[in-house]
Amino acid sequence: MAVETLYRSTRDLETTFVDRKLADAHDQMLELAEMLTQVLQKNVPGLSEKLAEDTGIYMAKNRAVFAAAFKSNVSALSELQGE
């Protein structure tokens, strides 16, 4: 019988990882998504909770692209056009 160590985020108990770094990265992405969701809900009138959450998760998953765009590399957003 083999033993396997699994990691999971405290923010997402359903998803497991065999690599701790991947679990930590997932947890950090979820933390960022949560903060983005809160900021969007507070500052965009009429934005539904579901849409704010979906947008926060999308932005957090594509953090590097948005970071590049915010640093005056607007063309970086073209990477997301094909999705």
Protein backbone atom coordinates (compact mmCIF):
# COMPACT_ATOMS: atom_id res chain seq x y z
CA MET A 1 0.00 0.00 0.00
CA ALA A 2 1.40 3.38 -1.02
CA VAL A 3 1.08 6.53 1.05
CA GLU A 4 0.51 9.82 -0.68
CA THR A 5 0.65 13.24 0.93
CA LEU A 6 -2.03 15.64 -0.25
CA TYR A 7 -2.31 19.37 0.31
CA ARG A 8 -5.34 21.59 0.09
CA SER A 9 -6.18 25.19 0.65
CA THR A 10 -8.22 26.19 3.67
CA ARG A 11 -10.22 28.37 1.27
CA ASP A 12 -11.03 25.47 -1.09
CA LEU A 13 -11.38 22.18 0.74
CA GLU A 14 -12.47 20.24 -2.35
CA THR A 15 -9.31 20.74 -4.42
CA THR A 16 -6.25 18.72 -3.43
CA PHE A 17 -2.65 18.98 -4.60
CA VAL A 18 0.31 16.63 -4.38
CA ASP A 19 2.71 19.60 -4.39
CA ARG A 20 2.72 22.07 -1.53
CA LYS A 21 3.86 24.94 -3.76
CA LEU A 22 0.85 24.44 -6.01
CA ALA A 23 -1.47 24.38 -3.01
CA ASP A 24 0.10 27.60 -1.67
CA ALA A 25 -0.21 29.28 -5.08
CA HIS A 26 -3.87 28.24 -5.28
CA ASP A 27 -4.50 29.61 -1.79
CA GLN A 28 -2.83 32.93 -2.68
CA MET A 29 -4.91 33.16 -5.86
CA LEU A 30 -8.09 32.58 -3.86
CA GLU A 31 -7.05 35.18 -1.28
CA LEU A 32 -6.48 37.74 -4.04
CA ALA A 33 -9.81 36.80 -5.66
CA GLU A 34 -11.59 37.30 -2.34
CA MET A 35 -10.09 40.77 -1.89
CA LEU A 36 -10.85 41.74 -5.49
CA THR A 37 -14.44 40.58 -5.01
CA GLN A 38 -14.83 42.76 -1.93
CA VAL A 39 -13.35 45.81 -3.66
CA LEU A 40 -15.52 45.33 -6.75
CA GLN A 41 -18.70 44.91 -4.68
CA LYS A 42 -17.94 48.02 -2.67
CA ASN A 43 -16.98 50.25 -5.60
CA VAL A 44 -19.13 49.14 -8.55
CA PRO A 45 -22.75 50.03 -7.88
CA GLY A 46 -25.25 47.40 -8.97
CA LEU A 47 -22.67 44.64 -9.42
CA SER A 48 -24.12 41.34 -8.24
CA GLU A 49 -22.27 39.22 -5.72
CA LYS A 50 -21.92 36.37 -8.23
CA LEU A 51 -20.55 38.60 -10.99
CA ALA A 52 -18.14 40.29 -8.57
CA GLU A 53 -16.91 36.86 -7.42
CA ASP A 54 -16.53 35.55 -10.98
CA THR A 55 -14.66 38.70 -12.00
CA GLY A 56 -12.40 38.55 -8.95
CA ILE A 57 -11.49 34.92 -9.63
CA TYR A 58 -10.86 35.65 -13.33
CA MET A 59 -8.60 38.59 -12.50
CA ALA A 60 -6.73 36.61 -9.83
CA LYS A 61 -6.17 33.67 -12.18
CA ASN A 62 -4.79 36.07 -14.79
CA ARG A 63 -2.86 38.17 -12.31
CA ALA A 64 0.36 38.32 -14.34
CA VAL A 65 -1.42 39.59 -17.45
CA PHE A 66 -3.29 42.28 -15.52
CA ALA A 67 -0.11 43.28 -13.66
CA ALA A 68 1.70 43.75 -16.98
CA ALA A 69 -1.22 45.77 -18.36
CA PHE A 70 -1.27 48.01 -15.29
CA LYS A 71 2.45 48.65 -15.78
CA SER A 72 1.81 50.40 -19.12
CA ASN A 73 1.84 47.23 -21.22
CA VAL A 74 -1.77 47.37 -22.32
CA SER A 75 -1.05 44.95 -25.19
CA ALA A 76 -0.59 42.20 -22.59
CA LEU A 77 -4.38 42.03 -22.37
CA SER A 78 -4.45 40.67 -25.91
CA GLU A 79 -3.42 37.32 -24.39
CA LEU A 80 -6.90 37.14 -22.83
CA GLN A 81 -8.75 37.99 -26.05
CA GLY A 82 -8.65 34.39 -27.26
CA GLU A 83 -10.40 32.89 -24.23
